Amino acid sequence: MPLRRTPPSTSKQVASLLQVLESDANQSSAPPTDTDNESSNVNNRNRNRPRKRQYDDELASFMVEMRKSIGILTKQQDTIQESIKDIKKQNTDIKESMDFISKQYEDMKNKLAKMELDRKSHLAHIQSLEQKVENLERSQRQASIEIRNIPINKKESKQDLVQLVKKVGQSVNVCVEELQIRDVFRLKTKKRK
């Protein structure tokens, strides 16, 4: 595609363009007359007068509302910050309390474990003592005789009781020697107390 160029300007076109520019310059330098104002469609305005836009009042009221809203939000945020500080302090207090309670719990747990060990050792000791008592009672029963419902004499001595045991032995056809008797005594009864 061949390039197209604009034709070179002719001297007639340049001269007419210069005339138009000169006439515009003459009109702007000449003081305006009343006839020029009437015939001209261009309005002259005072550039020092502030422009009032259509939405200036709405924008100003919006800005005031925004400032109020930001102020309210700032106050709310301050109260929330205070609440957060209080909650943090409470959490710190709760943590300290929980640490203290946890320490006490561990101490109690250790004491309870020690008491449980002591209890087990005491139970073992009690069982051994019971076993010893039972063995003593068995050995005592092997050589003991309990006789019931024999009337009581007011002034009764050991020798009287030995003679009483011999008589009981004779009545059941058992020979009881005085050397076989280690000890003889009466048990206290409810009536004798």
N, C-alpha and C. Protein backbone atom coordinates (compact mmCIF):
# COMPACT_ATOMS: atom_id res chain seq x y z
N MET A 1 0.82 -1.16 0.00
CA MET A 1 0.00 0.00 0.00
C MET A 1 0.88 1.24 0.00
N PRO A 2 0.64 2.13 -0.95
CA PRO A 2 1.49 3.31 -1.03
C PRO A 2 1.10 4.32 0.03
N LEU A 3 2.06 5.03 0.54
CA LEU A 3 1.82 6.05 1.54
C LEU A 3 1.24 7.29 0.88
N ARG A 4 0.32 7.93 1.55
CA ARG A 4 -0.24 9.17 1.03
C ARG A 4 0.27 10.31 1.84
N ARG A 5 0.64 11.34 1.21
CA ARG A 5 1.14 12.52 1.90
C ARG A 5 0.19 13.67 1.64
N THR A 6 0.18 14.52 2.64
CA THR A 6 -0.63 15.73 2.42
C THR A 6 0.12 16.62 1.44
N PRO A 7 -0.60 17.33 0.60
CA PRO A 7 0.08 18.18 -0.36
C PRO A 7 0.77 19.33 0.33
N PRO A 8 1.83 19.82 -0.20
CA PRO A 8 2.54 20.92 0.44
C PRO A 8 1.64 22.15 0.50
N SER A 9 1.76 22.88 1.67
CA SER A 9 0.91 24.05 1.83
C SER A 9 1.28 25.12 0.80
N THR A 10 0.25 25.70 0.36
CA THR A 10 0.46 26.76 -0.63
C THR A 10 0.55 28.09 0.08
N SER A 11 1.01 29.06 -0.55
CA SER A 11 1.17 30.37 0.06
C SER A 11 -0.19 31.01 0.32
N LYS A 12 -1.22 30.64 -0.42
CA LYS A 12 -2.56 31.19 -0.19
C LYS A 12 -3.10 30.69 1.14
N GLN A 13 -2.91 29.45 1.42
CA GLN A 13 -3.42 28.88 2.68
C GLN A 13 -2.69 29.48 3.88
N VAL A 14 -1.41 29.69 3.76
CA VAL A 14 -0.63 30.27 4.85
C VAL A 14 -1.09 31.71 5.07
N ALA A 15 -1.35 32.46 4.05
CA ALA A 15 -1.77 33.85 4.17
C ALA A 15 -3.13 33.94 4.82
N SER A 16 -4.07 33.06 4.46
CA SER A 16 -5.41 33.11 5.06
C SER A 16 -5.36 32.73 6.53
N LEU A 17 -4.49 31.81 6.88
CA LEU A 17 -4.34 31.40 8.29
C LEU A 17 -3.77 32.55 9.11
N LEU A 18 -2.84 33.29 8.57
CA LEU A 18 -2.27 34.43 9.28
C LEU A 18 -3.30 35.53 9.48
N GLN A 19 -4.16 35.73 8.53
CA GLN A 19 -5.20 36.76 8.67
C GLN A 19 -6.16 36.39 9.80
N VAL A 20 -6.51 35.16 9.89
CA VAL A 20 -7.44 34.73 10.95
C VAL A 20 -6.81 34.94 12.31
N LEU A 21 -5.55 34.63 12.44
CA LEU A 21 -4.86 34.79 13.72
C LEU A 21 -4.74 36.26 14.09
N GLU A 22 -4.47 37.12 13.12
CA GLU A 22 -4.35 38.55 13.40
C GLU A 22 -5.68 39.14 13.81
N SER A 23 -6.74 38.74 13.18
CA SER A 23 -8.05 39.29 13.53
C SER A 23 -8.46 38.86 14.93
N ASP A 24 -8.12 37.64 15.32
CA ASP A 24 -8.42 37.18 16.69
C ASP A 24 -7.63 37.97 17.71
N ALA A 25 -6.39 38.28 17.39
CA ALA A 25 -5.54 39.04 18.30
C ALA A 25 -6.06 40.46 18.43
N ASN A 26 -6.53 41.05 17.35
CA ASN A 26 -7.07 42.40 17.41
C ASN A 26 -8.33 42.45 18.24
N GLN A 27 -9.15 41.47 18.13
CA GLN A 27 -10.41 41.48 18.89
C GLN A 27 -10.15 41.31 20.37
N SER A 28 -9.22 40.48 20.76
CA SER A 28 -8.96 40.25 22.18
C SER A 28 -8.25 41.44 22.80
N SER A 29 -7.45 42.20 22.02
CA SER A 29 -6.75 43.35 22.59
C SER A 29 -7.66 44.56 22.65
N ALA A 30 -8.69 44.64 21.81
CA ALA A 30 -9.60 45.78 21.83
C ALA A 30 -10.55 45.63 23.00
N PRO A 31 -10.90 46.79 23.66
CA PRO A 31 -11.83 46.70 24.80
C PRO A 31 -13.20 46.26 24.31
N PRO A 32 -13.86 45.48 25.10
CA PRO A 32 -15.17 44.98 24.68
C PRO A 32 -16.20 46.09 24.72
N THR A 33 -17.06 46.04 23.80
CA THR A 33 -18.14 47.02 23.72
C THR A 33 -19.43 46.30 24.00
N ASP A 34 -20.50 47.11 24.20
CA ASP A 34 -21.79 46.52 24.50
C ASP A 34 -22.30 45.69 23.34
N THR A 35 -21.99 46.14 22.15
CA THR A 35 -22.45 45.39 20.98
C THR A 35 -21.74 44.07 20.87
N ASP A 36 -20.44 44.06 21.29
CA ASP A 36 -19.70 42.79 21.24
C ASP A 36 -20.30 41.77 22.22
N ASN A 37 -20.70 42.27 23.42
CA ASN A 37 -21.25 41.36 24.43
C ASN A 37 -22.56 40.76 23.97
N GLU A 38 -23.35 41.59 23.34
CA GLU A 38 -24.65 41.10 22.91
C GLU A 38 -24.51 40.09 21.79
N SER A 39 -23.57 40.37 20.88
CA SER A 39 -23.44 39.47 19.74
C SER A 39 -22.62 38.24 20.08
N SER A 40 -21.84 38.31 21.14
CA SER A 40 -20.95 37.20 21.48
C SER A 40 -21.70 36.18 22.34
N ASN A 41 -21.42 34.94 22.08
CA ASN A 41 -22.03 33.86 22.86
C ASN A 41 -21.16 33.46 24.06
N VAL A 42 -20.02 34.08 24.21
CA VAL A 42 -19.10 33.73 25.29
C VAL A 42 -19.44 34.57 26.50
N ASN A 43 -19.59 33.94 27.63
CA ASN A 43 -19.87 34.64 28.90
C ASN A 43 -18.56 34.91 29.61
N ASN A 44 -18.43 36.11 30.10
CA ASN A 44 -17.27 36.41 30.93
C ASN A 44 -17.66 36.17 32.38
N ARG A 45 -16.83 35.44 33.14
CA ARG A 45 -17.16 35.19 34.54
C ARG A 45 -16.03 35.68 35.42
N ASN A 46 -16.39 35.97 36.59
CA ASN A 46 -15.42 36.45 37.56
C ASN A 46 -14.66 35.24 38.11
N ARG A 47 -13.35 35.26 37.93
CA ARG A 47 -12.56 34.11 38.34
C ARG A 47 -12.30 34.11 39.85
N ASN A 48 -12.52 35.17 40.56
CA ASN A 48 -12.27 35.22 42.00
C ASN A 48 -13.42 34.63 42.80
N ARG A 49 -14.56 34.50 42.21
CA ARG A 49 -15.72 33.97 42.91
C ARG A 49 -15.53 32.46 43.11
N PRO A 50 -15.73 31.95 44.34
CA PRO A 50 -15.56 30.51 44.55
C PRO A 50 -16.66 29.73 43.86
N ARG A 51 -16.25 28.63 43.34
CA ARG A 51 -17.22 27.77 42.66
C ARG A 51 -17.99 26.97 43.70
N LYS A 52 -19.22 26.83 43.51
CA LYS A 52 -20.03 26.02 44.39
C LYS A 52 -20.50 24.84 43.59
N ARG A 53 -20.10 23.70 44.05
CA ARG A 53 -20.49 22.50 43.33
C ARG A 53 -21.84 22.04 43.82
N GLN A 54 -22.38 21.16 43.08
CA GLN A 54 -23.72 20.68 43.39
C GLN A 54 -23.72 19.83 44.67
N TYR A 55 -22.65 19.08 44.91
CA TYR A 55 -22.65 18.12 46.02
C TYR A 55 -21.81 18.60 47.21
N ASP A 56 -21.46 19.89 47.29
CA ASP A 56 -20.63 20.38 48.38
C ASP A 56 -21.31 20.22 49.73
N ASP A 57 -22.59 20.55 49.83
CA ASP A 57 -23.32 20.43 51.11
C ASP A 57 -23.41 18.97 51.55
N GLU A 58 -23.71 18.10 50.61
CA GLU A 58 -23.81 16.67 50.94
C GLU A 58 -22.46 16.13 51.38
N LEU A 59 -21.40 16.56 50.70
CA LEU A 59 -20.05 16.10 51.04
C LEU A 59 -19.67 16.59 52.44
N ALA A 60 -20.00 17.84 52.74
CA ALA A 60 -19.68 18.38 54.07
C ALA A 60 -20.44 17.63 55.16
N SER A 61 -21.72 17.36 54.95
CA SER A 61 -22.49 16.62 55.96
C SER A 61 -21.97 15.18 56.08
N PHE A 62 -21.56 14.60 54.96
CA PHE A 62 -20.99 13.24 54.99
C PHE A 62 -19.69 13.23 55.80
N MET A 63 -18.87 14.27 55.61
CA MET A 63 -17.61 14.36 56.35
C MET A 63 -17.88 14.49 57.85
N VAL A 64 -18.89 15.30 58.22
CA VAL A 64 -19.24 15.46 59.64
C VAL A 64 -19.70 14.13 60.22
N GLU A 65 -20.55 13.43 59.48
CA GLU A 65 -21.02 12.12 59.94
C GLU A 65 -19.87 11.13 60.08
N MET A 66 -18.95 11.16 59.14
CA MET A 66 -17.80 10.26 59.21
C MET A 66 -16.94 10.57 60.43
N ARG A 67 -16.74 11.86 60.72
CA ARG A 67 -15.95 12.23 61.90
C ARG A 67 -16.63 11.73 63.17
N LYS A 68 -17.97 11.91 63.23
CA LYS A 68 -18.71 11.42 64.40
C LYS A 68 -18.57 9.91 64.53
N SER A 69 -18.74 9.22 63.41
CA SER A 69 -18.65 7.75 63.43
C SER A 69 -17.26 7.30 63.86
N ILE A 70 -16.24 7.96 63.34
CA ILE A 70 -14.86 7.60 63.70
C ILE A 70 -14.63 7.88 65.19
N GLY A 71 -15.19 8.99 65.70
CA GLY A 71 -15.06 9.30 67.13
C GLY A 71 -15.74 8.23 67.98
N ILE A 72 -16.94 7.82 67.57
CA ILE A 72 -17.66 6.77 68.30
C ILE A 72 -16.88 5.46 68.26
N LEU A 73 -16.38 5.12 67.07
CA LEU A 73 -15.60 3.88 66.94
C LEU A 73 -14.33 3.92 67.79
N THR A 74 -13.71 5.10 67.86
CA THR A 74 -12.51 5.24 68.68
C THR A 74 -12.83 5.01 70.15
N LYS A 75 -13.96 5.60 70.62
CA LYS A 75 -14.37 5.40 72.01
C LYS A 75 -14.67 3.93 72.28
N GLN A 76 -15.39 3.31 71.34
CA GLN A 76 -15.70 1.89 71.51
C GLN A 76 -14.43 1.05 71.54
N GLN A 77 -13.51 1.39 70.69
CA GLN A 77 -12.24 0.65 70.65
C GLN A 77 -11.46 0.84 71.95
N ASP A 78 -11.52 2.06 72.51
CA ASP A 78 -10.85 2.29 73.80
C ASP A 78 -11.47 1.44 74.90
N THR A 79 -12.82 1.39 74.93
CA THR A 79 -13.48 0.57 75.95
C THR A 79 -13.16 -0.91 75.74
N ILE A 80 -13.10 -1.33 74.49
CA ILE A 80 -12.75 -2.73 74.20
C ILE A 80 -11.32 -3.01 74.65
N GLN A 81 -10.42 -2.05 74.42
CA GLN A 81 -9.03 -2.23 74.86
C GLN A 81 -8.96 -2.36 76.38
N GLU A 82 -9.75 -1.54 77.09
CA GLU A 82 -9.78 -1.64 78.55
C GLU A 82 -10.32 -3.01 78.98
N SER A 83 -11.38 -3.46 78.30
CA SER A 83 -11.94 -4.78 78.61
C SER A 83 -10.91 -5.87 78.37
N ILE A 84 -10.18 -5.75 77.28
CA ILE A 84 -9.15 -6.75 76.97
C ILE A 84 -8.06 -6.75 78.04
N LYS A 85 -7.68 -5.55 78.51
CA LYS A 85 -6.68 -5.47 79.58
C LYS A 85 -7.19 -6.17 80.84
N ASP A 86 -8.48 -5.91 81.17
CA ASP A 86 -9.06 -6.56 82.35
C ASP A 86 -9.08 -8.07 82.19
N ILE A 87 -9.46 -8.53 81.00
CA ILE A 87 -9.52 -9.97 80.74
C ILE A 87 -8.12 -10.58 80.83
N LYS A 88 -7.12 -9.88 80.30
CA LYS A 88 -5.75 -10.39 80.39
C LYS A 88 -5.31 -10.50 81.85
N LYS A 89 -5.67 -9.49 82.66
CA LYS A 89 -5.32 -9.53 84.08
C LYS A 89 -6.02 -10.69 84.76
N GLN A 90 -7.31 -10.88 84.44
CA GLN A 90 -8.05 -12.00 85.02
C GLN A 90 -7.42 -13.32 84.61
N ASN A 91 -7.04 -13.43 83.35
CA ASN A 91 -6.40 -14.66 82.88
C ASN A 91 -5.10 -14.92 83.62
N THR A 92 -4.34 -13.85 83.85
CA THR A 92 -3.08 -14.01 84.60
C THR A 92 -3.37 -14.48 86.02
N ASP A 93 -4.40 -13.87 86.65
CA ASP A 93 -4.77 -14.28 88.01
C ASP A 93 -5.23 -15.74 88.03
N ILE A 94 -6.03 -16.11 87.03
CA ILE A 94 -6.52 -17.49 86.95
C ILE A 94 -5.36 -18.45 86.77
N LYS A 95 -4.41 -18.07 85.93
CA LYS A 95 -3.24 -18.94 85.70
C LYS A 95 -2.45 -19.12 86.98
N GLU A 96 -2.25 -18.01 87.72
CA GLU A 96 -1.53 -18.12 88.99
C GLU A 96 -2.28 -19.01 89.97
N SER A 97 -3.61 -18.85 90.02
CA SER A 97 -4.42 -19.68 90.91
C SER A 97 -4.33 -21.14 90.52
N MET A 98 -4.41 -21.40 89.22
CA MET A 98 -4.33 -22.78 88.74
C MET A 98 -2.96 -23.39 89.05
N ASP A 99 -1.90 -22.59 88.92
CA ASP A 99 -0.57 -23.09 89.27
C ASP A 99 -0.49 -23.43 90.75
N PHE A 100 -1.06 -22.56 91.58
CA PHE A 100 -1.07 -22.81 93.03
C PHE A 100 -1.87 -24.06 93.36
N ILE A 101 -3.06 -24.17 92.76
CA ILE A 101 -3.91 -25.34 93.00
C ILE A 101 -3.22 -26.60 92.49
N SER A 102 -2.58 -26.51 91.35
CA SER A 102 -1.87 -27.66 90.79
C SER A 102 -0.74 -28.10 91.73
N LYS A 103 -0.02 -27.12 92.29
CA LYS A 103 1.06 -27.45 93.23
C LYS A 103 0.49 -28.13 94.47
N GLN A 104 -0.62 -27.58 94.99
CA GLN A 104 -1.25 -28.19 96.15
C GLN A 104 -1.74 -29.60 95.83
N TYR A 105 -2.28 -29.77 94.64
CA TYR A 105 -2.76 -31.09 94.23
C TYR A 105 -1.61 -32.09 94.19
N GLU A 106 -0.47 -31.67 93.65
CA GLU A 106 0.69 -32.56 93.58
C GLU A 106 1.17 -32.91 94.99
N ASP A 107 1.18 -31.90 95.89
CA ASP A 107 1.58 -32.17 97.27
C ASP A 107 0.64 -33.18 97.93
N MET A 108 -0.67 -32.96 97.74
CA MET A 108 -1.66 -33.89 98.30
C MET A 108 -1.50 -35.28 97.71
N LYS A 109 -1.24 -35.34 96.44
CA LYS A 109 -1.06 -36.62 95.77
C LYS A 109 0.15 -37.36 96.35
N ASN A 110 1.25 -36.63 96.56
CA ASN A 110 2.44 -37.24 97.15
C ASN A 110 2.17 -37.71 98.58
N LYS A 111 1.47 -36.87 99.37
CA LYS A 111 1.14 -37.26 100.74
C LYS A 111 0.25 -38.49 100.75
N LEU A 112 -0.72 -38.52 99.84
CA LEU A 112 -1.64 -39.66 99.78
C LEU A 112 -0.88 -40.93 99.40
N ALA A 113 0.05 -40.82 98.47
CA ALA A 113 0.85 -42.00 98.09
C ALA A 113 1.68 -42.48 99.27
N LYS A 114 2.26 -41.54 100.03
CA LYS A 114 3.05 -41.92 101.21
C LYS A 114 2.16 -42.58 102.25
N MET A 115 0.97 -42.01 102.47
CA MET A 115 0.03 -42.58 103.44
C MET A 115 -0.42 -43.98 103.01
N GLU A 116 -0.59 -44.16 101.71
CA GLU A 116 -0.98 -45.48 101.20
C GLU A 116 0.13 -46.51 101.47
N LEU A 117 1.38 -46.11 101.26
CA LEU A 117 2.50 -47.01 101.57
C LEU A 117 2.55 -47.32 103.07
N ASP A 118 2.36 -46.27 103.90
CA ASP A 118 2.34 -46.48 105.35
C ASP A 118 1.21 -47.42 105.74
N ARG A 119 0.05 -47.23 105.13
CA ARG A 119 -1.11 -48.08 105.43
C ARG A 119 -0.80 -49.54 105.10
N LYS A 120 -0.18 -49.76 103.94
CA LYS A 120 0.16 -51.13 103.55
C LYS A 120 1.14 -51.75 104.54
N SER A 121 2.14 -50.96 104.96
CA SER A 121 3.10 -51.51 105.93
C SER A 121 2.43 -51.77 107.27
N HIS A 122 1.50 -50.88 107.68
CA HIS A 122 0.76 -51.09 108.93
C HIS A 122 -0.11 -52.34 108.84
N LEU A 123 -0.76 -52.52 107.70
CA LEU A 123 -1.59 -53.72 107.53
C LEU A 123 -0.74 -54.99 107.62
N ALA A 124 0.42 -54.95 107.01
CA ALA A 124 1.31 -56.12 107.08
C ALA A 124 1.74 -56.37 108.53
N HIS A 125 2.05 -55.29 109.26
CA HIS A 125 2.45 -55.43 110.66
C HIS A 125 1.29 -55.97 111.50
N ILE A 126 0.08 -55.45 111.26
CA ILE A 126 -1.10 -55.93 111.99
C ILE A 126 -1.33 -57.41 111.72
N GLN A 127 -1.20 -57.82 110.47
CA GLN A 127 -1.38 -59.24 110.15
C GLN A 127 -0.36 -60.10 110.87
N SER A 128 0.88 -59.65 110.93
CA SER A 128 1.90 -60.45 111.64
C SER A 128 1.58 -60.52 113.13
N LEU A 129 1.11 -59.39 113.71
CA LEU A 129 0.75 -59.41 115.13
C LEU A 129 -0.45 -60.32 115.39
N GLU A 130 -1.45 -60.26 114.49
CA GLU A 130 -2.60 -61.15 114.64
C GLU A 130 -2.18 -62.61 114.57
N GLN A 131 -1.26 -62.89 113.67
CA GLN A 131 -0.76 -64.27 113.54
C GLN A 131 -0.07 -64.71 114.83
N LYS A 132 0.73 -63.80 115.41
CA LYS A 132 1.41 -64.13 116.67
C LYS A 132 0.40 -64.37 117.79
N VAL A 133 -0.62 -63.50 117.87
CA VAL A 133 -1.64 -63.66 118.91
C VAL A 133 -2.36 -64.99 118.73
N GLU A 134 -2.69 -65.29 117.49
CA GLU A 134 -3.39 -66.55 117.22
C GLU A 134 -2.51 -67.74 117.60
N ASN A 135 -1.23 -67.68 117.30
CA ASN A 135 -0.32 -68.76 117.68
C ASN A 135 -0.24 -68.89 119.20
N LEU A 136 -0.18 -67.76 119.90
CA LEU A 136 -0.15 -67.81 121.36
C LEU A 136 -1.44 -68.41 121.92
N GLU A 137 -2.57 -68.00 121.35
CA GLU A 137 -3.85 -68.55 121.82
C GLU A 137 -3.91 -70.06 121.57
N ARG A 138 -3.41 -70.50 120.43
CA ARG A 138 -3.42 -71.93 120.14
C ARG A 138 -2.55 -72.70 121.14
N SER A 139 -1.37 -72.14 121.38
CA SER A 139 -0.49 -72.84 122.33
C SER A 139 -1.10 -72.84 123.73
N GLN A 140 -1.81 -71.77 124.05
CA GLN A 140 -2.44 -71.70 125.36
C GLN A 140 -3.61 -72.67 125.43
N ARG A 141 -4.35 -72.80 124.36
CA ARG A 141 -5.51 -73.69 124.35
C ARG A 141 -5.09 -75.16 124.42
N GLN A 142 -3.92 -75.46 123.94
CA GLN A 142 -3.47 -76.85 123.99
C GLN A 142 -3.35 -77.32 125.43
N ALA A 143 -3.01 -76.43 126.31
CA ALA A 143 -2.82 -76.83 127.71
C ALA A 143 -3.88 -76.23 128.62
N SER A 144 -4.95 -75.66 128.05
CA SER A 144 -5.96 -74.99 128.88
C SER A 144 -7.25 -75.79 128.91
N ILE A 145 -7.92 -75.64 130.03
CA ILE A 145 -9.25 -76.22 130.19
C ILE A 145 -10.12 -75.12 130.76
N GLU A 146 -11.29 -74.96 130.17
CA GLU A 146 -12.24 -73.96 130.66
C GLU A 146 -13.42 -74.72 131.26
N ILE A 147 -13.69 -74.44 132.49
CA ILE A 147 -14.79 -75.11 133.18
C ILE A 147 -15.80 -74.03 133.55
N ARG A 148 -17.05 -74.27 133.21
CA ARG A 148 -18.10 -73.28 133.45
C ARG A 148 -19.13 -73.81 134.45
N ASN A 149 -19.92 -72.86 134.95
CA ASN A 149 -21.06 -73.12 135.83
C ASN A 149 -20.67 -73.83 137.14
N ILE A 150 -19.53 -73.48 137.67
CA ILE A 150 -19.14 -73.97 138.99
C ILE A 150 -19.39 -72.83 139.97
N PRO A 151 -20.11 -73.09 141.05
CA PRO A 151 -20.44 -72.01 141.99
C PRO A 151 -19.18 -71.40 142.61
N ILE A 152 -19.29 -70.11 142.92
CA ILE A 152 -18.15 -69.34 143.42
C ILE A 152 -18.22 -69.30 144.94
N ASN A 153 -17.07 -69.59 145.57
CA ASN A 153 -16.94 -69.40 147.02
C ASN A 153 -16.42 -67.99 147.25
N LYS A 154 -16.81 -67.40 148.36
CA LYS A 154 -16.42 -66.02 148.61
C LYS A 154 -14.92 -65.89 148.84
N LYS A 155 -14.34 -66.76 149.60
CA LYS A 155 -12.90 -66.69 149.86
C LYS A 155 -12.27 -67.90 149.20
N GLU A 156 -11.94 -67.73 147.94
CA GLU A 156 -11.42 -68.83 147.14
C GLU A 156 -9.95 -68.57 146.84
N SER A 157 -9.10 -69.55 147.04
CA SER A 157 -7.67 -69.40 146.78
C SER A 157 -7.29 -70.27 145.58
N LYS A 158 -6.02 -70.18 145.16
CA LYS A 158 -5.55 -70.98 144.03
C LYS A 158 -5.57 -72.46 144.39
N GLN A 159 -5.22 -72.74 145.63
CA GLN A 159 -5.21 -74.14 146.05
C GLN A 159 -6.62 -74.72 146.01
N ASP A 160 -7.60 -73.91 146.34
CA ASP A 160 -9.00 -74.36 146.27
C ASP A 160 -9.38 -74.67 144.83
N LEU A 161 -8.92 -73.83 143.91
CA LEU A 161 -9.25 -74.03 142.49
C LEU A 161 -8.54 -75.28 141.95
N VAL A 162 -7.31 -75.55 142.39
CA VAL A 162 -6.59 -76.75 141.96
C VAL A 162 -7.34 -77.99 142.45
N GLN A 163 -7.81 -77.97 143.68
CA GLN A 163 -8.57 -79.10 144.21
C GLN A 163 -9.87 -79.28 143.45
N LEU A 164 -10.47 -78.16 143.05
CA LEU A 164 -11.72 -78.21 142.27
C LEU A 164 -11.48 -78.86 140.92
N VAL A 165 -10.36 -78.55 140.27
CA VAL A 165 -10.03 -79.14 138.97
C VAL A 165 -9.79 -80.65 139.14
N LYS A 166 -9.13 -81.06 140.19
CA LYS A 166 -8.90 -82.49 140.43
C LYS A 166 -10.22 -83.23 140.60
N LYS A 167 -11.15 -82.64 141.33
CA LYS A 167 -12.46 -83.28 141.56
C LYS A 167 -13.23 -83.41 140.25
N VAL A 168 -13.18 -82.36 139.40
CA VAL A 168 -13.86 -82.41 138.10
C VAL A 168 -13.23 -83.51 137.27
N GLY A 169 -11.92 -83.64 137.29
CA GLY A 169 -11.23 -84.70 136.55
C GLY A 169 -11.65 -86.08 137.02
N GLN A 170 -11.79 -86.28 138.35
CA GLN A 170 -12.21 -87.57 138.88
C GLN A 170 -13.64 -87.88 138.46
N SER A 171 -14.48 -86.84 138.40
CA SER A 171 -15.87 -87.09 138.04
C SER A 171 -16.03 -87.47 136.57
N VAL A 172 -15.09 -87.10 135.71
CA VAL A 172 -15.16 -87.50 134.29
C VAL A 172 -14.17 -88.61 134.01
N ASN A 173 -13.63 -89.22 135.03
CA ASN A 173 -12.70 -90.34 134.94
C ASN A 173 -11.39 -89.97 134.24
N VAL A 174 -10.84 -88.81 134.56
CA VAL A 174 -9.54 -88.38 134.04
C VAL A 174 -8.68 -88.06 135.25
N CYS A 175 -7.51 -88.65 135.26
CA CYS A 175 -6.60 -88.41 136.37
C CYS A 175 -5.81 -87.15 136.10
N VAL A 176 -5.96 -86.14 136.94
CA VAL A 176 -5.26 -84.86 136.79
C VAL A 176 -4.33 -84.72 137.99
N GLU A 177 -3.03 -84.63 137.72
CA GLU A 177 -2.03 -84.45 138.77
C GLU A 177 -1.81 -82.96 138.99
N GLU A 178 -1.37 -82.63 140.17
CA GLU A 178 -1.13 -81.22 140.50
C GLU A 178 0.04 -80.67 139.71
N LEU A 179 0.99 -81.51 139.32
CA LEU A 179 2.13 -81.06 138.53
C LEU A 179 1.72 -80.71 137.09
N GLN A 180 0.64 -81.26 136.61
CA GLN A 180 0.16 -80.98 135.24
C GLN A 180 -0.52 -79.60 135.14
N ILE A 181 -0.92 -79.06 136.24
CA ILE A 181 -1.63 -77.77 136.23
C ILE A 181 -0.58 -76.65 136.33
N ARG A 182 -0.51 -75.82 135.32
CA ARG A 182 0.42 -74.67 135.34
C ARG A 182 -0.17 -73.50 136.10
N ASP A 183 -1.42 -73.19 135.75
CA ASP A 183 -2.05 -72.04 136.38
C ASP A 183 -3.54 -72.30 136.43
N VAL A 184 -4.19 -71.74 137.40
CA VAL A 184 -5.63 -71.86 137.53
C VAL A 184 -6.17 -70.51 138.01
N PHE A 185 -7.29 -70.07 137.41
CA PHE A 185 -7.90 -68.79 137.79
C PHE A 185 -9.33 -68.76 137.30
N ARG A 186 -10.08 -67.88 137.89
CA ARG A 186 -11.47 -67.67 137.48
C ARG A 186 -11.53 -66.46 136.55
N LEU A 187 -12.35 -66.57 135.50
CA LEU A 187 -12.58 -65.43 134.60
C LEU A 187 -13.64 -64.53 135.20
N LYS A 188 -13.48 -63.25 134.95
CA LYS A 188 -14.47 -62.32 135.46
C LYS A 188 -15.72 -62.41 134.62
N THR A 189 -16.84 -62.44 135.26
CA THR A 189 -18.12 -62.49 134.56
C THR A 189 -18.83 -61.16 134.75
N LYS A 190 -19.91 -60.99 134.04
CA LYS A 190 -20.66 -59.74 134.14
C LYS A 190 -21.23 -59.55 135.54
N LYS A 191 -21.64 -60.64 136.16
CA LYS A 191 -22.24 -60.52 137.49
C LYS A 191 -21.21 -60.13 138.53
N ARG A 192 -19.96 -60.56 138.35
CA ARG A 192 -18.92 -60.30 139.35
C ARG A 192 -18.37 -58.90 139.26
N LYS A 193 -18.57 -58.23 138.16
CA LYS A 193 -18.01 -56.89 138.00
C LYS A 193 -18.62 -55.99 139.01
